[in-house]
Amino acid sequence: MLIFCLCLLAMFLFWLFGHIVGTILYLSILFVGHMISYWYFYLPLIILISLAIAFGIKSVLAMLVLIILILSLALALMIYWPRDHNS
């Protein structure tokens, strides 16, 4: 009877372990697939977080403000610069 109970306990533990491992594997595949699908959102976020960790939040905000100013100036020049210089 003791061996039978130990066998039942072993079966239950392996069943439980299999379900836990399967759930972890399923969630990890789901998470990786989500990260691959939405890389264009997560990659800049990861880069900003790593820059904030490396250089500090104030310097990263200053870099972002400078980048936005430079890009807006370039966009304004592209829009308002005359295409043909003859007129």
N, C-alpha and C. Protein backbone atom coordinates (compact mmCIF):
# COMPACT_ATOMS: atom_id res chain seq x y z
N MET A 1 0.82 -1.20 0.00
CA MET A 1 0.00 0.00 0.00
C MET A 1 0.87 1.26 0.00
N LEU A 2 2.00 1.21 0.71
CA LEU A 2 2.89 2.36 0.75
C LEU A 2 3.49 2.63 -0.63
N ILE A 3 3.86 1.58 -1.33
CA ILE A 3 4.45 1.75 -2.67
C ILE A 3 3.40 2.32 -3.62
N PHE A 4 2.17 1.85 -3.49
CA PHE A 4 1.09 2.38 -4.34
C PHE A 4 0.87 3.87 -4.08
N CYS A 5 0.87 4.28 -2.82
CA CYS A 5 0.69 5.69 -2.48
C CYS A 5 1.87 6.52 -2.98
N LEU A 6 3.08 5.97 -2.89
CA LEU A 6 4.24 6.69 -3.42
C LEU A 6 4.18 6.83 -4.94
N CYS A 7 3.68 5.78 -5.59
CA CYS A 7 3.52 5.86 -7.05
C CYS A 7 2.47 6.91 -7.43
N LEU A 8 1.37 6.96 -6.69
CA LEU A 8 0.36 7.99 -6.94
C LEU A 8 0.91 9.40 -6.69
N LEU A 9 1.68 9.52 -5.63
CA LEU A 9 2.28 10.82 -5.34
C LEU A 9 3.26 11.23 -6.44
N ALA A 10 4.06 10.29 -6.92
CA ALA A 10 5.00 10.58 -8.00
C ALA A 10 4.26 10.95 -9.28
N MET A 11 3.17 10.23 -9.58
CA MET A 11 2.39 10.57 -10.78
C MET A 11 1.81 11.97 -10.66
N PHE A 12 1.27 12.29 -9.49
CA PHE A 12 0.69 13.61 -9.30
C PHE A 12 1.76 14.70 -9.40
N LEU A 13 2.93 14.47 -8.81
CA LEU A 13 3.98 15.48 -8.86
C LEU A 13 4.50 15.69 -10.28
N PHE A 14 4.66 14.60 -11.04
CA PHE A 14 5.10 14.75 -12.43
C PHE A 14 4.04 15.43 -13.28
N TRP A 15 2.75 15.14 -13.00
CA TRP A 15 1.67 15.81 -13.72
C TRP A 15 1.69 17.30 -13.42
N LEU A 16 1.84 17.65 -12.15
CA LEU A 16 1.88 19.05 -11.75
C LEU A 16 3.10 19.76 -12.33
N PHE A 17 4.25 19.10 -12.28
CA PHE A 17 5.48 19.67 -12.83
C PHE A 17 5.34 19.89 -14.34
N GLY A 18 4.71 18.93 -15.03
CA GLY A 18 4.50 19.09 -16.47
C GLY A 18 3.60 20.26 -16.80
N HIS A 19 2.56 20.44 -16.00
CA HIS A 19 1.67 21.58 -16.25
C HIS A 19 2.35 22.90 -15.94
N ILE A 20 3.15 22.96 -14.91
CA ILE A 20 3.86 24.20 -14.58
C ILE A 20 4.88 24.53 -15.67
N VAL A 21 5.64 23.53 -16.10
CA VAL A 21 6.63 23.76 -17.17
C VAL A 21 5.93 24.14 -18.47
N GLY A 22 4.82 23.48 -18.78
CA GLY A 22 4.07 23.81 -19.99
C GLY A 22 3.52 25.22 -19.96
N THR A 23 3.01 25.64 -18.81
CA THR A 23 2.49 27.00 -18.70
C THR A 23 3.60 28.03 -18.84
N ILE A 24 4.74 27.78 -18.20
CA ILE A 24 5.87 28.71 -18.32
C ILE A 24 6.37 28.77 -19.76
N LEU A 25 6.44 27.63 -20.43
CA LEU A 25 6.87 27.59 -21.83
C LEU A 25 5.88 28.33 -22.72
N TYR A 26 4.59 28.11 -22.50
CA TYR A 26 3.57 28.78 -23.29
C TYR A 26 3.63 30.29 -23.10
N LEU A 27 3.76 30.74 -21.86
CA LEU A 27 3.81 32.18 -21.60
C LEU A 27 5.08 32.82 -22.16
N SER A 28 6.19 32.10 -22.11
CA SER A 28 7.43 32.65 -22.66
C SER A 28 7.35 32.76 -24.19
N ILE A 29 6.76 31.75 -24.84
CA ILE A 29 6.59 31.83 -26.31
C ILE A 29 5.65 32.96 -26.67
N LEU A 30 4.58 33.13 -25.90
CA LEU A 30 3.63 34.21 -26.14
C LEU A 30 4.30 35.57 -25.95
N PHE A 31 5.12 35.71 -24.90
CA PHE A 31 5.80 36.98 -24.63
C PHE A 31 6.82 37.30 -25.71
N VAL A 32 7.59 36.31 -26.13
CA VAL A 32 8.60 36.55 -27.17
C VAL A 32 7.93 36.90 -28.49
N GLY A 33 6.84 36.21 -28.81
CA GLY A 33 6.11 36.54 -30.03
C GLY A 33 5.54 37.95 -29.99
N HIS A 34 5.06 38.36 -28.83
CA HIS A 34 4.54 39.73 -28.68
C HIS A 34 5.67 40.74 -28.83
N MET A 35 6.83 40.45 -28.26
CA MET A 35 7.97 41.36 -28.38
C MET A 35 8.44 41.45 -29.83
N ILE A 36 8.43 40.32 -30.55
CA ILE A 36 8.85 40.35 -31.95
C ILE A 36 7.84 41.10 -32.81
N SER A 37 6.55 40.96 -32.50
CA SER A 37 5.53 41.63 -33.29
C SER A 37 5.55 43.14 -33.08
N TYR A 38 5.81 43.57 -31.85
CA TYR A 38 5.77 45.00 -31.54
C TYR A 38 7.16 45.54 -31.22
N TRP A 39 8.16 45.14 -32.03
CA TRP A 39 9.54 45.57 -31.78
C TRP A 39 9.69 47.07 -31.97
N TYR A 40 8.90 47.66 -32.87
CA TYR A 40 9.02 49.08 -33.16
C TYR A 40 8.58 49.93 -31.97
N PHE A 41 7.83 49.37 -31.03
CA PHE A 41 7.49 50.09 -29.80
C PHE A 41 8.46 49.78 -28.68
N TYR A 42 8.84 48.51 -28.53
CA TYR A 42 9.66 48.10 -27.40
C TYR A 42 11.13 48.46 -27.56
N LEU A 43 11.66 48.44 -28.79
CA LEU A 43 13.07 48.74 -28.99
C LEU A 43 13.43 50.17 -28.59
N PRO A 44 12.69 51.19 -29.04
CA PRO A 44 13.02 52.54 -28.55
C PRO A 44 12.82 52.69 -27.05
N LEU A 45 11.82 52.00 -26.50
CA LEU A 45 11.60 52.06 -25.06
C LEU A 45 12.77 51.46 -24.30
N ILE A 46 13.29 50.33 -24.77
CA ILE A 46 14.44 49.70 -24.13
C ILE A 46 15.68 50.58 -24.26
N ILE A 47 15.83 51.21 -25.43
CA ILE A 47 16.99 52.09 -25.64
C ILE A 47 16.90 53.30 -24.71
N LEU A 48 15.70 53.90 -24.58
CA LEU A 48 15.55 55.05 -23.69
C LEU A 48 15.79 54.69 -22.24
N ILE A 49 15.30 53.53 -21.83
CA ILE A 49 15.52 53.11 -20.44
C ILE A 49 16.99 52.85 -20.18
N SER A 50 17.66 52.20 -21.13
CA SER A 50 19.09 51.93 -20.92
C SER A 50 19.90 53.22 -20.95
N LEU A 51 19.53 54.18 -21.79
CA LEU A 51 20.22 55.48 -21.77
C LEU A 51 19.97 56.22 -20.47
N ALA A 52 18.73 56.13 -19.96
CA ALA A 52 18.44 56.79 -18.69
C ALA A 52 19.21 56.16 -17.55
N ILE A 53 19.40 54.85 -17.60
CA ILE A 53 20.20 54.18 -16.57
C ILE A 53 21.67 54.58 -16.70
N ALA A 54 22.16 54.67 -17.94
CA ALA A 54 23.58 54.95 -18.15
C ALA A 54 23.92 56.41 -17.88
N PHE A 55 23.10 57.34 -18.37
CA PHE A 55 23.48 58.76 -18.31
C PHE A 55 22.64 59.58 -17.35
N GLY A 56 21.55 59.07 -16.87
CA GLY A 56 20.67 59.84 -16.01
C GLY A 56 19.49 60.39 -16.79
N ILE A 57 18.42 60.66 -16.07
CA ILE A 57 17.17 61.06 -16.73
C ILE A 57 17.28 62.47 -17.30
N LYS A 58 17.95 63.36 -16.60
CA LYS A 58 18.03 64.75 -17.07
C LYS A 58 18.80 64.86 -18.37
N SER A 59 19.90 64.15 -18.49
CA SER A 59 20.66 64.23 -19.74
C SER A 59 19.92 63.56 -20.89
N VAL A 60 19.18 62.49 -20.60
CA VAL A 60 18.40 61.84 -21.66
C VAL A 60 17.27 62.76 -22.11
N LEU A 61 16.62 63.45 -21.17
CA LEU A 61 15.59 64.41 -21.56
C LEU A 61 16.19 65.56 -22.37
N ALA A 62 17.38 66.01 -21.99
CA ALA A 62 18.04 67.07 -22.77
C ALA A 62 18.36 66.58 -24.17
N MET A 63 18.83 65.32 -24.29
CA MET A 63 19.12 64.77 -25.62
C MET A 63 17.84 64.67 -26.45
N LEU A 64 16.74 64.24 -25.82
CA LEU A 64 15.48 64.13 -26.55
C LEU A 64 14.98 65.50 -27.01
N VAL A 65 15.12 66.52 -26.17
CA VAL A 65 14.70 67.87 -26.56
C VAL A 65 15.56 68.36 -27.73
N LEU A 66 16.86 68.12 -27.67
CA LEU A 66 17.72 68.53 -28.78
C LEU A 66 17.38 67.79 -30.06
N ILE A 67 17.11 66.52 -29.96
CA ILE A 67 16.74 65.74 -31.15
C ILE A 67 15.43 66.24 -31.74
N ILE A 68 14.45 66.55 -30.89
CA ILE A 68 13.16 67.06 -31.38
C ILE A 68 13.35 68.42 -32.03
N LEU A 69 14.17 69.27 -31.43
CA LEU A 69 14.43 70.58 -32.04
C LEU A 69 15.12 70.45 -33.39
N ILE A 70 16.10 69.60 -33.48
CA ILE A 70 16.82 69.42 -34.75
C ILE A 70 15.90 68.84 -35.81
N LEU A 71 15.08 67.86 -35.44
CA LEU A 71 14.17 67.26 -36.42
C LEU A 71 13.08 68.24 -36.86
N SER A 72 12.59 69.06 -35.94
CA SER A 72 11.58 70.05 -36.33
C SER A 72 12.19 71.13 -37.22
N LEU A 73 13.43 71.51 -36.95
CA LEU A 73 14.11 72.47 -37.82
C LEU A 73 14.33 71.88 -39.21
N ALA A 74 14.75 70.63 -39.27
CA ALA A 74 14.95 69.99 -40.56
C ALA A 74 13.63 69.85 -41.32
N LEU A 75 12.55 69.54 -40.61
CA LEU A 75 11.24 69.44 -41.26
C LEU A 75 10.78 70.80 -41.77
N ALA A 76 10.99 71.83 -40.97
CA ALA A 76 10.61 73.17 -41.41
C ALA A 76 11.42 73.60 -42.62
N LEU A 77 12.70 73.29 -42.64
CA LEU A 77 13.52 73.62 -43.81
C LEU A 77 13.08 72.84 -45.04
N MET A 78 12.71 71.59 -44.85
CA MET A 78 12.25 70.79 -45.99
C MET A 78 10.93 71.33 -46.54
N ILE A 79 10.06 71.83 -45.65
CA ILE A 79 8.76 72.31 -46.12
C ILE A 79 8.89 73.68 -46.76
N TYR A 80 9.62 74.59 -46.13
CA TYR A 80 9.63 75.98 -46.58
C TYR A 80 10.78 76.34 -47.50
N TRP A 81 11.74 75.46 -47.70
CA TRP A 81 12.84 75.77 -48.60
C TRP A 81 12.32 75.72 -50.05
N PRO A 82 12.62 76.74 -50.83
CA PRO A 82 12.09 76.72 -52.22
C PRO A 82 12.74 75.60 -53.03
N ARG A 83 11.89 74.92 -53.78
CA ARG A 83 12.39 73.77 -54.55
C ARG A 83 13.21 74.22 -55.76
N ASP A 84 12.71 75.18 -56.48
CA ASP A 84 13.52 75.69 -57.58
C ASP A 84 14.00 77.09 -57.20
N HIS A 85 15.25 77.29 -57.40
CA HIS A 85 15.86 78.55 -56.96
C HIS A 85 15.78 79.64 -58.03
N ASN A 86 15.04 79.43 -59.13
CA ASN A 86 14.98 80.40 -60.21
C ASN A 86 13.96 81.51 -59.91
N SER A 87 12.96 81.21 -59.09
CA SER A 87 11.90 82.18 -58.87
C SER A 87 12.26 83.20 -57.82
